[in-house]
Amino acid sequence: MEEEIEETLRIVLIEPIELAEKRLLSIWERSANNLSNTHPLRLELALTISRFYAQNLDNIEKAQEFARTVYNESEFFFSLN
């Protein structure tokens, strides 16, 4: 899973925007089943998706909403431990 995420992070830099978004969201959903909410690679992926929304789609609100959701999920995870 980790190698697949790293490969995706490299590939989306050269893909068309629509395909890159699909690929990022697909790997995000699959990473939820394989990595904890606080896994460094999952957090890097979250940052990449948030940055993608802000820079490539020029959608700051969506970027902030995504980042906030990830933060809240991680914070909830820490509150359980």
C-alpha atoms as a PDB file:
ATOM      1  CA  MET A   1       0.000   0.000   0.000  1.00  0.00           C
ATOM      2  CA  GLU A   2       2.761   2.444   0.906  1.00  0.00           C
ATOM      3  CA  GLU A   3       4.577   1.934  -2.395  1.00  0.00           C
ATOM      4  CA  GLU A   4       1.318   2.423  -4.263  1.00  0.00           C
ATOM      5  CA  ILE A   5       0.689   5.735  -2.493  1.00  0.00           C
ATOM      6  CA  GLU A   6       4.212   6.959  -3.219  1.00  0.00           C
ATOM      7  CA  GLU A   7       3.817   6.015  -6.886  1.00  0.00           C
ATOM      8  CA  THR A   8       0.470   7.828  -7.057  1.00  0.00           C
ATOM      9  CA  LEU A   9       2.004  10.958  -5.557  1.00  0.00           C
ATOM     10  CA  ARG A  10       4.595  10.957  -8.354  1.00  0.00           C
ATOM     11  CA  ILE A  11       2.154  10.174 -11.172  1.00  0.00           C
ATOM     12  CA  VAL A  12      -0.439  12.845 -10.395  1.00  0.00           C
ATOM     13  CA  LEU A  13       2.132  15.546 -11.081  1.00  0.00           C
ATOM     14  CA  ILE A  14       2.045  14.792 -14.807  1.00  0.00           C
ATOM     15  CA  GLU A  15      -1.562  13.690 -15.342  1.00  0.00           C
ATOM     16  CA  PRO A  16      -4.493  15.779 -16.548  1.00  0.00           C
ATOM     17  CA  ILE A  17      -6.347  17.380 -13.632  1.00  0.00           C
ATOM     18  CA  GLU A  18      -9.498  15.240 -13.880  1.00  0.00           C
ATOM     19  CA  LEU A  19      -7.545  11.997 -13.919  1.00  0.00           C
ATOM     20  CA  ALA A  20      -5.222  13.151 -11.135  1.00  0.00           C
ATOM     21  CA  GLU A  21      -8.190  14.006  -8.891  1.00  0.00           C
ATOM     22  CA  LYS A  22      -9.775  10.599  -9.532  1.00  0.00           C
ATOM     23  CA  ARG A  23      -6.526   8.810  -8.784  1.00  0.00           C
ATOM     24  CA  LEU A  24      -5.898  10.789  -5.581  1.00  0.00           C
ATOM     25  CA  LEU A  25      -9.396  10.183  -4.226  1.00  0.00           C
ATOM     26  CA  SER A  26      -9.251   6.505  -5.136  1.00  0.00           C
ATOM     27  CA  ILE A  27      -5.990   5.930  -3.294  1.00  0.00           C
ATOM     28  CA  TRP A  28      -7.301   8.023  -0.377  1.00  0.00           C
ATOM     29  CA  GLU A  29     -10.333   5.753   0.020  1.00  0.00           C
ATOM     30  CA  ARG A  30      -8.206   2.627  -0.228  1.00  0.00           C
ATOM     31  CA  SER A  31      -5.660   3.953   2.261  1.00  0.00           C
ATOM     32  CA  ALA A  32      -8.442   4.303   4.838  1.00  0.00           C
ATOM     33  CA  ASN A  33      -8.667   0.512   4.978  1.00  0.00           C
ATOM     34  CA  ASN A  34      -4.915  -0.084   5.180  1.00  0.00           C
ATOM     35  CA  LEU A  35      -3.356   2.794   7.132  1.00  0.00           C
ATOM     36  CA  SER A  36      -4.256   4.495  10.388  1.00  0.00           C
ATOM     37  CA  ASN A  37      -5.559   8.070  10.330  1.00  0.00           C
ATOM     38  CA  THR A  38      -2.233   9.230  11.736  1.00  0.00           C
ATOM     39  CA  HIS A  39       0.098   7.247   9.466  1.00  0.00           C
ATOM     40  CA  PRO A  40       2.666   9.701   8.036  1.00  0.00           C
ATOM     41  CA  LEU A  41       2.073   8.592   4.451  1.00  0.00           C
ATOM     42  CA  ARG A  42      -1.692   8.978   4.810  1.00  0.00           C
ATOM     43  CA  LEU A  43      -1.182  12.470   6.232  1.00  0.00           C
ATOM     44  CA  GLU A  44       1.152  13.318   3.343  1.00  0.00           C
ATOM     45  CA  LEU A  45      -1.510  12.128   0.922  1.00  0.00           C
ATOM     46  CA  ALA A  46      -4.093  14.296   2.686  1.00  0.00           C
ATOM     47  CA  LEU A  47      -1.836  17.316   2.376  1.00  0.00           C
ATOM     48  CA  THR A  48      -1.290  16.576  -1.313  1.00  0.00           C
ATOM     49  CA  ILE A  49      -5.038  16.332  -1.946  1.00  0.00           C
ATOM     50  CA  SER A  50      -5.708  19.551  -0.069  1.00  0.00           C
ATOM     51  CA  ARG A  51      -2.938  21.323  -1.990  1.00  0.00           C
ATOM     52  CA  PHE A  52      -4.299  19.858  -5.240  1.00  0.00           C
ATOM     53  CA  TYR A  53      -7.717  21.418  -4.568  1.00  0.00           C
ATOM     54  CA  ALA A  54      -6.182  24.780  -3.710  1.00  0.00           C
ATOM     55  CA  GLN A  55      -3.608  25.025  -6.496  1.00  0.00           C
ATOM     56  CA  ASN A  56      -4.944  22.985  -9.395  1.00  0.00           C
ATOM     57  CA  LEU A  57      -8.678  23.473  -8.992  1.00  0.00           C
ATOM     58  CA  ASP A  58      -8.408  26.923  -7.379  1.00  0.00           C
ATOM     59  CA  ASN A  59     -10.898  25.804  -4.730  1.00  0.00           C
ATOM     60  CA  ILE A  60      -9.616  27.026  -1.364  1.00  0.00           C
ATOM     61  CA  GLU A  61     -12.865  26.164   0.421  1.00  0.00           C
ATOM     62  CA  LYS A  62     -12.725  22.531  -0.691  1.00  0.00           C
ATOM     63  CA  ALA A  63      -9.045  22.340   0.274  1.00  0.00           C
ATOM     64  CA  GLN A  64      -9.774  23.718   3.737  1.00  0.00           C
ATOM     65  CA  GLU A  65     -12.768  21.444   4.230  1.00  0.00           C
ATOM     66  CA  PHE A  66     -10.770  18.366   3.266  1.00  0.00           C
ATOM     67  CA  ALA A  67      -7.847  19.331   5.514  1.00  0.00           C
ATOM     68  CA  ARG A  68     -10.209  20.088   8.414  1.00  0.00           C
ATOM     69  CA  THR A  69     -11.915  16.704   8.059  1.00  0.00           C
ATOM     70  CA  VAL A  70      -8.579  14.871   8.080  1.00  0.00           C
ATOM     71  CA  TYR A  71      -7.414  16.874  11.089  1.00  0.00           C
ATOM     72  CA  ASN A  72     -10.611  16.117  12.999  1.00  0.00           C
ATOM     73  CA  GLU A  73     -10.352  12.401  12.212  1.00  0.00           C
ATOM     74  CA  SER A  74      -6.750  12.358  13.433  1.00  0.00           C
ATOM     75  CA  GLU A  75      -7.590  14.358  16.546  1.00  0.00           C
ATOM     76  CA  PHE A  76     -10.420  11.929  17.353  1.00  0.00           C
ATOM     77  CA  PHE A  77      -8.007   9.028  16.952  1.00  0.00           C
ATOM     78  CA  PHE A  78      -5.583  10.602  19.461  1.00  0.00           C
ATOM     79  CA  SER A  79      -8.372  11.291  21.942  1.00  0.00           C
ATOM     80  CA  LEU A  80      -9.157   7.559  22.028  1.00  0.00           C
ATOM     81  CA  ASN A  81      -5.603   6.606  22.986  1.00  0.00           C
END
